[in-house]
């Protein structure tokens, strides 16, 4: 039996994982880095789920904003440059 937090996380993963991956891949043009960023994004999502009790669209916005933040943090560390043409 899954908890409400687990259920919300799984729903967010199923609904948005592919899109978040495509978004990250479009920015970094590296499949492995994109996978790493998606993983970091969902780790942060796990920590935040249940705090706000927001809607599905709020979760989608949160995931994309978090993915952007994760990539920008690595960019600032010099690990990659954004593909600005995307």
PDB file of N, CA and C in Angstrom:
ATOM      1  N   UNK A   1       0.846  -1.171   0.000  1.00  0.00           N
ATOM      2  CA  UNK A   1       0.000   0.000   0.000  1.00  0.00           C
ATOM      3  C   UNK A   1       0.897   1.241   0.000  1.00  0.00           C
ATOM      4  N   UNK A   2       0.562   2.183  -0.869  1.00  0.00           N
ATOM      5  CA  UNK A   2       1.373   3.383  -0.977  1.00  0.00           C
ATOM      6  C   UNK A   2       0.742   4.536  -0.193  1.00  0.00           C
ATOM      7  N   UNK A   3       1.601   5.396   0.295  1.00  0.00           N
ATOM      8  CA  UNK A   3       1.117   6.576   1.019  1.00  0.00           C
ATOM      9  C   UNK A   3       0.657   7.632   0.013  1.00  0.00           C
ATOM     10  N   UNK A   4       0.014   8.660   0.503  1.00  0.00           N
ATOM     11  CA  UNK A   4      -0.445   9.742  -0.369  1.00  0.00           C
ATOM     12  C   UNK A   4       0.743  10.437  -1.036  1.00  0.00           C
ATOM     13  N   UNK A   5       1.837  10.589  -0.296  1.00  0.00           N
ATOM     14  CA  UNK A   5       3.039  11.215  -0.853  1.00  0.00           C
ATOM     15  C   UNK A   5       3.608  10.364  -1.984  1.00  0.00           C
ATOM     16  N   UNK A   6       3.696   9.055  -1.753  1.00  0.00           N
ATOM     17  CA  UNK A   6       4.208   8.157  -2.789  1.00  0.00           C
ATOM     18  C   UNK A   6       3.317   8.188  -4.022  1.00  0.00           C
ATOM     19  N   UNK A   7       2.023   8.186  -3.807  1.00  0.00           N
ATOM     20  CA  UNK A   7       1.071   8.206  -4.919  1.00  0.00           C
ATOM     21  C   UNK A   7       1.212   9.496  -5.731  1.00  0.00           C
ATOM     22  N   UNK A   8       1.326  10.628  -5.045  1.00  0.00           N
ATOM     23  CA  UNK A   8       1.486  11.908  -5.731  1.00  0.00           C
ATOM     24  C   UNK A   8       2.798  11.933  -6.521  1.00  0.00           C
ATOM     25  N   UNK A   9       3.852  11.397  -5.931  1.00  0.00           N
ATOM     26  CA  UNK A   9       5.150  11.343  -6.606  1.00  0.00           C
ATOM     27  C   UNK A   9       5.070  10.472  -7.855  1.00  0.00           C
ATOM     28  N   UNK A  10       4.478   9.295  -7.726  1.00  0.00           N
ATOM     29  CA  UNK A  10       4.369   8.391  -8.867  1.00  0.00           C
ATOM     30  C   UNK A  10       3.528   8.990  -9.988  1.00  0.00           C
ATOM     31  N   UNK A  11       2.470   9.679  -9.628  1.00  0.00           N
ATOM     32  CA  UNK A  11       1.646  10.339 -10.640  1.00  0.00           C
ATOM     33  C   UNK A  11       2.436  11.426 -11.358  1.00  0.00           C
ATOM     34  N   UNK A  12       3.200  12.204 -10.599  1.00  0.00           N
ATOM     35  CA  UNK A  12       4.021  13.262 -11.203  1.00  0.00           C
ATOM     36  C   UNK A  12       5.095  12.661 -12.105  1.00  0.00           C
ATOM     37  N   UNK A  13       5.682  11.559 -11.666  1.00  0.00           N
ATOM     38  CA  UNK A  13       6.712  10.900 -12.474  1.00  0.00           C
ATOM     39  C   UNK A  13       6.116  10.392 -13.775  1.00  0.00           C
ATOM     40  N   UNK A  14       5.019   9.664 -13.679  1.00  0.00           N
ATOM     41  CA  UNK A  14       4.388   9.108 -14.879  1.00  0.00           C
ATOM     42  C   UNK A  14       3.944  10.194 -15.852  1.00  0.00           C
ATOM     43  N   UNK A  15       3.435  11.281 -15.324  1.00  0.00           N
ATOM     44  CA  UNK A  15       2.880  12.333 -16.178  1.00  0.00           C
ATOM     45  C   UNK A  15       3.957  13.208 -16.823  1.00  0.00           C
ATOM     46  N   UNK A  16       5.099  13.389 -16.157  1.00  0.00           N
ATOM     47  CA  UNK A  16       6.025  14.429 -16.616  1.00  0.00           C
ATOM     48  C   UNK A  16       7.461  13.991 -16.867  1.00  0.00           C
ATOM     49  N   UNK A  17       7.813  12.778 -16.541  1.00  0.00           N
ATOM     50  CA  UNK A  17       9.215  12.365 -16.645  1.00  0.00           C
ATOM     51  C   UNK A  17       9.753  12.494 -18.068  1.00  0.00           C
ATOM     52  N   UNK A  18       9.013  12.022 -19.045  1.00  0.00           N
ATOM     53  CA  UNK A  18       9.491  12.099 -20.426  1.00  0.00           C
ATOM     54  C   UNK A  18       9.681  13.545 -20.872  1.00  0.00           C
ATOM     55  N   UNK A  19       8.731  14.384 -20.537  1.00  0.00           N
ATOM     56  CA  UNK A  19       8.832  15.789 -20.912  1.00  0.00           C
ATOM     57  C   UNK A  19       9.999  16.488 -20.243  1.00  0.00           C
ATOM     58  N   UNK A  20      10.207  16.211 -18.974  1.00  0.00           N
ATOM     59  CA  UNK A  20      11.330  16.817 -18.255  1.00  0.00           C
ATOM     60  C   UNK A  20      12.646  16.331 -18.861  1.00  0.00           C
ATOM     61  N   UNK A  21      12.717  15.048 -19.205  1.00  0.00           N
ATOM     62  CA  UNK A  21      13.929  14.526 -19.843  1.00  0.00           C
ATOM     63  C   UNK A  21      14.178  15.225 -21.177  1.00  0.00           C
ATOM     64  N   UNK A  22      13.154  15.344 -22.011  1.00  0.00           N
ATOM     65  CA  UNK A  22      13.322  16.016 -23.308  1.00  0.00           C
ATOM     66  C   UNK A  22      13.753  17.472 -23.132  1.00  0.00           C
ATOM     67  N   UNK A  23      13.189  18.126 -22.147  1.00  0.00           N
ATOM     68  CA  UNK A  23      13.557  19.503 -21.846  1.00  0.00           C
ATOM     69  C   UNK A  23      15.048  19.586 -21.476  1.00  0.00           C
ATOM     70  N   UNK A  24      15.479  18.726 -20.565  1.00  0.00           N
ATOM     71  CA  UNK A  24      16.885  18.729 -20.149  1.00  0.00           C
ATOM     72  C   UNK A  24      17.806  18.367 -21.309  1.00  0.00           C
ATOM     73  N   UNK A  25      17.433  17.355 -22.057  1.00  0.00           N
ATOM     74  CA  UNK A  25      18.265  16.933 -23.188  1.00  0.00           C
ATOM     75  C   UNK A  25      18.391  18.056 -24.213  1.00  0.00           C
ATOM     76  N   UNK A  26      17.304  18.762 -24.455  1.00  0.00           N
ATOM     77  CA  UNK A  26      17.338  19.875 -25.394  1.00  0.00           C
ATOM     78  C   UNK A  26      18.268  20.984 -24.948  1.00  0.00           C
ATOM     79  N   UNK A  27      18.460  21.103 -23.670  1.00  0.00           N
ATOM     80  CA  UNK A  27      19.344  22.143 -23.136  1.00  0.00           C
ATOM     81  C   UNK A  27      20.808  21.726 -23.110  1.00  0.00           C
ATOM     82  N   UNK A  28      21.083  20.454 -22.805  1.00  0.00           N
ATOM     83  CA  UNK A  28      22.480  20.038 -22.617  1.00  0.00           C
ATOM     84  C   UNK A  28      23.017  19.168 -23.744  1.00  0.00           C
ATOM     85  N   UNK A  29      22.133  18.609 -24.561  1.00  0.00           N
ATOM     86  CA  UNK A  29      22.521  17.753 -25.685  1.00  0.00           C
ATOM     87  C   UNK A  29      23.444  16.613 -25.269  1.00  0.00           C
ATOM     88  N   UNK A  30      23.189  16.074 -24.101  1.00  0.00           N
ATOM     89  CA  UNK A  30      23.951  14.939 -23.573  1.00  0.00           C
ATOM     90  C   UNK A  30      22.963  14.051 -22.822  1.00  0.00           C
ATOM     91  N   UNK A  31      22.767  12.843 -23.342  1.00  0.00           N
ATOM     92  CA  UNK A  31      21.746  11.947 -22.804  1.00  0.00           C
ATOM     93  C   UNK A  31      21.981  11.617 -21.329  1.00  0.00           C
ATOM     94  N   UNK A  32      23.222  11.297 -20.960  1.00  0.00           N
ATOM     95  CA  UNK A  32      23.510  10.911 -19.576  1.00  0.00           C
ATOM     96  C   UNK A  32      23.326  12.086 -18.616  1.00  0.00           C
ATOM     97  N   UNK A  33      23.792  13.265 -19.026  1.00  0.00           N
ATOM     98  CA  UNK A  33      23.597  14.438 -18.166  1.00  0.00           C
ATOM     99  C   UNK A  33      22.109  14.728 -17.997  1.00  0.00           C
ATOM    100  N   UNK A  34      21.348  14.600 -19.078  1.00  0.00           N
ATOM    101  CA  UNK A  34      19.903  14.836 -19.001  1.00  0.00           C
ATOM    102  C   UNK A  34      19.265  13.860 -18.015  1.00  0.00           C
ATOM    103  N   UNK A  35      19.668  12.602 -18.056  1.00  0.00           N
ATOM    104  CA  UNK A  35      19.136  11.615 -17.103  1.00  0.00           C
ATOM    105  C   UNK A  35      19.507  11.997 -15.667  1.00  0.00           C
ATOM    106  N   UNK A  36      20.743  12.442 -15.478  1.00  0.00           N
ATOM    107  CA  UNK A  36      21.185  12.860 -14.144  1.00  0.00           C
ATOM    108  C   UNK A  36      20.356  14.041 -13.636  1.00  0.00           C
ATOM    109  N   UNK A  37      20.070  14.986 -14.526  1.00  0.00           N
ATOM    110  CA  UNK A  37      19.284  16.151 -14.130  1.00  0.00           C
ATOM    111  C   UNK A  37      17.848  15.783 -13.800  1.00  0.00           C
ATOM    112  N   UNK A  38      17.294  14.840 -14.533  1.00  0.00           N
ATOM    113  CA  UNK A  38      15.938  14.374 -14.223  1.00  0.00           C
ATOM    114  C   UNK A  38      15.929  13.705 -12.849  1.00  0.00           C
ATOM    115  N   UNK A  39      16.953  12.899 -12.580  1.00  0.00           N
ATOM    116  CA  UNK A  39      17.049  12.245 -11.269  1.00  0.00           C
ATOM    117  C   UNK A  39      17.132  13.275 -10.144  1.00  0.00           C
ATOM    118  N   UNK A  40      17.976  14.277 -10.314  1.00  0.00           N
ATOM    119  CA  UNK A  40      18.106  15.316  -9.290  1.00  0.00           C
ATOM    120  C   UNK A  40      16.800  16.087  -9.128  1.00  0.00           C
ATOM    121  N   UNK A  41      16.129  16.333 -10.252  1.00  0.00           N
ATOM    122  CA  UNK A  41      14.851  17.048 -10.217  1.00  0.00           C
ATOM    123  C   UNK A  41      13.833  16.278  -9.399  1.00  0.00           C
ATOM    124  N   UNK A  42      13.722  14.970  -9.639  1.00  0.00           N
ATOM    125  CA  UNK A  42      12.731  14.177  -8.911  1.00  0.00           C
ATOM    126  C   UNK A  42      13.142  13.929  -7.459  1.00  0.00           C
ATOM    127  N   UNK A  43      14.433  13.945  -7.166  1.00  0.00           N
ATOM    128  CA  UNK A  43      14.854  13.870  -5.755  1.00  0.00           C
ATOM    129  C   UNK A  43      14.380  15.107  -5.001  1.00  0.00           C
ATOM    130  N   UNK A  44      14.500  16.254  -5.637  1.00  0.00           N
ATOM    131  CA  UNK A  44      14.016  17.485  -5.001  1.00  0.00           C
ATOM    132  C   UNK A  44      12.498  17.484  -4.915  1.00  0.00           C
ATOM    133  N   UNK A  45      11.853  16.948  -5.931  1.00  0.00           N
ATOM    134  CA  UNK A  45      10.387  16.875  -5.910  1.00  0.00           C
ATOM    135  C   UNK A  45       9.922  15.999  -4.749  1.00  0.00           C
ATOM    136  N   UNK A  46      10.621  14.894  -4.507  1.00  0.00           N
ATOM    137  CA  UNK A  46      10.251  14.001  -3.402  1.00  0.00           C
ATOM    138  C   UNK A  46      10.279  14.759  -2.077  1.00  0.00           C
ATOM    139  N   UNK A  47      11.273  15.626  -1.909  1.00  0.00           N
ATOM    140  CA  UNK A  47      11.393  16.393  -0.672  1.00  0.00           C
ATOM    141  C   UNK A  47      10.263  17.405  -0.517  1.00  0.00           C
ATOM    142  N   UNK A  48       9.741  17.912  -1.630  1.00  0.00           N
ATOM    143  CA  UNK A  48       8.729  18.970  -1.588  1.00  0.00           C
ATOM    144  C   UNK A  48       7.286  18.472  -1.644  1.00  0.00           C
ATOM    145  N   UNK A  49       7.095  17.265  -2.139  1.00  0.00           N
ATOM    146  CA  UNK A  49       5.728  16.750  -2.299  1.00  0.00           C
ATOM    147  C   UNK A  49       5.036  16.706  -0.947  1.00  0.00           C
ATOM    148  N   UNK A  50       3.809  17.144  -0.955  1.00  0.00           N
ATOM    149  CA  UNK A  50       3.017  17.135   0.262  1.00  0.00           C
ATOM    150  C   UNK A  50       3.088  18.431   1.048  1.00  0.00           C
ATOM    151  N   UNK A  51       4.083  19.264   0.761  1.00  0.00           N
ATOM    152  CA  UNK A  51       4.218  20.522   1.495  1.00  0.00           C
ATOM    153  C   UNK A  51       3.172  21.536   1.061  1.00  0.00           C
ATOM    154  N   UNK A  52       2.944  21.616  -0.247  1.00  0.00           N
ATOM    155  CA  UNK A  52       2.062  22.665  -0.747  1.00  0.00           C
ATOM    156  C   UNK A  52       0.644  22.177  -1.019  1.00  0.00           C
ATOM    157  N   UNK A  53       0.502  20.913  -1.328  1.00  0.00           N
ATOM    158  CA  UNK A  53      -0.814  20.383  -1.655  1.00  0.00           C
ATOM    159  C   UNK A  53      -1.377  20.990  -2.927  1.00  0.00           C
ATOM    160  N   UNK A  54      -0.477  21.379  -3.839  1.00  0.00           N
ATOM    161  CA  UNK A  54      -0.882  22.045  -5.072  1.00  0.00           C
ATOM    162  C   UNK A  54      -1.513  21.103  -6.079  1.00  0.00           C
ATOM    163  N   UNK A  55      -1.939  21.694  -7.160  1.00  0.00           N
ATOM    164  CA  UNK A  55      -2.592  20.944  -8.226  1.00  0.00           C
ATOM    165  C   UNK A  55      -1.560  20.275  -9.130  1.00  0.00           C
ATOM    166  N   UNK A  56      -2.057  19.513 -10.088  1.00  0.00           N
ATOM    167  CA  UNK A  56      -1.194  18.830 -11.054  1.00  0.00           C
ATOM    168  C   UNK A  56      -0.407  19.847 -11.882  1.00  0.00           C
ATOM    169  N   UNK A  57      -1.046  20.937 -12.275  1.00  0.00           N
ATOM    170  CA  UNK A  57      -0.330  21.949 -13.062  1.00  0.00           C
ATOM    171  C   UNK A  57       0.747  22.619 -12.226  1.00  0.00           C
ATOM    172  N   UNK A  58       0.493  22.790 -10.923  1.00  0.00           N
ATOM    173  CA  UNK A  58       1.525  23.335 -10.040  1.00  0.00           C
ATOM    174  C   UNK A  58       2.728  22.403  -9.988  1.00  0.00           C
ATOM    175  N   UNK A  59       2.484  21.100  -9.967  1.00  0.00           N
ATOM    176  CA  UNK A  59       3.574  20.120  -9.933  1.00  0.00           C
ATOM    177  C   UNK A  59       4.376  20.182 -11.229  1.00  0.00           C
ATOM    178  N   UNK A  60       3.698  20.303 -12.339  1.00  0.00           N
ATOM    179  CA  UNK A  60       4.398  20.389 -13.626  1.00  0.00           C
ATOM    180  C   UNK A  60       5.303  21.622 -13.656  1.00  0.00           C
ATOM    181  N   UNK A  61       4.788  22.752 -13.240  1.00  0.00           N
ATOM    182  CA  UNK A  61       5.575  23.982 -13.194  1.00  0.00           C
ATOM    183  C   UNK A  61       6.759  23.810 -12.251  1.00  0.00           C
ATOM    184  N   UNK A  62       6.511  23.218 -11.087  1.00  0.00           N
ATOM    185  CA  UNK A  62       7.582  22.984 -10.121  1.00  0.00           C
ATOM    186  C   UNK A  62       8.687  22.119 -10.731  1.00  0.00           C
ATOM    187  N   UNK A  63       8.312  21.056 -11.433  1.00  0.00           N
ATOM    188  CA  UNK A  63       9.306  20.148 -12.004  1.00  0.00           C
ATOM    189  C   UNK A  63      10.181  20.845 -13.049  1.00  0.00           C
ATOM    190  N   UNK A  64       9.568  21.597 -13.941  1.00  0.00           N
ATOM    191  CA  UNK A  64      10.341  22.288 -14.969  1.00  0.00           C
ATOM    192  C   UNK A  64      11.211  23.387 -14.364  1.00  0.00           C
ATOM    193  N   UNK A  65      10.692  24.107 -13.389  1.00  0.00           N
ATOM    194  CA  UNK A  65      11.501  25.121 -12.713  1.00  0.00           C
ATOM    195  C   UNK A  65      12.674  24.483 -11.981  1.00  0.00           C
ATOM    196  N   UNK A  66      12.410  23.359 -11.341  1.00  0.00           N
ATOM    197  CA  UNK A  66      13.469  22.660 -10.616  1.00  0.00           C
ATOM    198  C   UNK A  66      14.516  22.124 -11.576  1.00  0.00           C
ATOM    199  N   UNK A  67      14.098  21.562 -12.703  1.00  0.00           N
ATOM    200  CA  UNK A  67      15.048  21.068 -13.709  1.00  0.00           C
ATOM    201  C   UNK A  67      15.931  22.214 -14.198  1.00  0.00           C
ATOM    202  N   UNK A  68      15.337  23.363 -14.434  1.00  0.00           N
ATOM    203  CA  UNK A  68      16.115  24.529 -14.865  1.00  0.00           C
ATOM    204  C   UNK A  68      17.123  24.925 -13.801  1.00  0.00           C
ATOM    205  N   UNK A  69      16.704  24.942 -12.556  1.00  0.00           N
ATOM    206  CA  UNK A  69      17.599  25.297 -11.452  1.00  0.00           C
ATOM    207  C   UNK A  69      18.752  24.312 -11.348  1.00  0.00           C
ATOM    208  N   UNK A  70      18.449  23.021 -11.447  1.00  0.00           N
ATOM    209  CA  UNK A  70      19.486  21.984 -11.363  1.00  0.00           C
ATOM    210  C   UNK A  70      20.517  22.177 -12.473  1.00  0.00           C
ATOM    211  N   UNK A  71      20.056  22.416 -13.680  1.00  0.00           N
ATOM    212  CA  UNK A  71      20.980  22.611 -14.803  1.00  0.00           C
ATOM    213  C   UNK A  71      21.785  23.897 -14.635  1.00  0.00           C
ATOM    214  N   UNK A  72      21.143  24.952 -14.159  1.00  0.00           N
ATOM    215  CA  UNK A  72      21.857  26.216 -13.967  1.00  0.00           C
ATOM    216  C   UNK A  72      22.929  26.093 -12.897  1.00  0.00           C
ATOM    217  N   UNK A  73      22.646  25.326 -11.850  1.00  0.00           N
ATOM    218  CA  UNK A  73      23.653  25.117 -10.806  1.00  0.00           C
ATOM    219  C   UNK A  73      24.895  24.453 -11.382  1.00  0.00           C
ATOM    220  N   UNK A  74      24.709  23.451 -12.223  1.00  0.00           N
ATOM    221  CA  UNK A  74      25.850  22.793 -12.856  1.00  0.00           C
ATOM    222  C   UNK A  74      26.532  23.723 -13.854  1.00  0.00           C
ATOM    223  N   UNK A  75      25.753  24.518 -14.556  1.00  0.00           N
ATOM    224  CA  UNK A  75      26.321  25.465 -15.510  1.00  0.00           C
ATOM    225  C   UNK A  75      27.216  26.473 -14.803  1.00  0.00           C
ATOM    226  N   UNK A  76      26.771  26.934 -13.650  1.00  0.00           N
ATOM    227  CA  UNK A  76      27.564  27.891 -12.881  1.00  0.00           C
ATOM    228  C   UNK A  76      28.843  27.273 -12.339  1.00  0.00           C
ATOM    229  N   UNK A  77      28.834  25.964 -12.143  1.00  0.00           N
ATOM    230  CA  UNK A  77      30.029  25.251 -11.691  1.00  0.00           C
ATOM    231  C   UNK A  77      30.964  24.961 -12.865  1.00  0.00           C
ATOM    232  N   UNK A  78      30.504  25.265 -14.095  1.00  0.00           N
ATOM    233  CA  UNK A  78      31.333  25.053 -15.279  1.00  0.00           C
ATOM    234  C   UNK A  78      31.232  23.662 -15.872  1.00  0.00           C
ATOM    235  N   UNK A  79      30.208  22.887 -15.485  1.00  0.00           N
ATOM    236  CA  UNK A  79      30.087  21.526 -15.984  1.00  0.00           C
ATOM    237  C   UNK A  79      29.550  21.443 -17.412  1.00  0.00           C
ATOM    238  N   UNK A  80      28.832  22.461 -17.866  1.00  0.00           N
ATOM    239  CA  UNK A  80      28.319  22.486 -19.225  1.00  0.00           C
ATOM    240  C   UNK A  80      27.819  23.876 -19.534  1.00  0.00           C
ATOM    241  N   UNK A  81      27.501  24.096 -20.787  1.00  0.00           N
ATOM    242  CA  UNK A  81      26.867  25.345 -21.212  1.00  0.00           C
ATOM    243  C   UNK A  81      25.514  25.007 -21.790  1.00  0.00           C
ATOM    244  N   UNK A  82      24.537  25.851 -21.509  1.00  0.00           N
ATOM    245  CA  UNK A  82      23.212  25.655 -22.067  1.00  0.00           C
ATOM    246  C   UNK A  82      23.254  25.751 -23.576  1.00  0.00           C
ATOM    247  N   UNK A  83      22.449  24.940 -24.241  1.00  0.00           N
ATOM    248  CA  UNK A  83      22.228  25.075 -25.670  1.00  0.00           C
ATOM    249  C   UNK A  83      21.196  26.183 -25.842  1.00  0.00           C
ATOM    250  N   UNK A  84      21.628  27.349 -26.137  1.00  0.00           N
ATOM    251  CA  UNK A  84      20.753  28.515 -26.169  1.00  0.00           C
ATOM    252  C   UNK A  84      19.852  28.547 -27.400  1.00  0.00           C
ATOM    253  N   UNK A  85      20.136  27.735 -28.394  1.00  0.00           N
ATOM    254  CA  UNK A  85      19.335  27.750 -29.618  1.00  0.00           C
ATOM    255  C   UNK A  85      17.994  27.042 -29.424  1.00  0.00           C
ATOM    256  N   UNK A  86      17.841  26.270 -28.365  1.00  0.00           N
ATOM    257  CA  UNK A  86      16.611  25.499 -28.143  1.00  0.00           C
ATOM    258  C   UNK A  86      15.546  26.333 -27.558  1.00  0.00           C
TER     259      UNK A  86
END
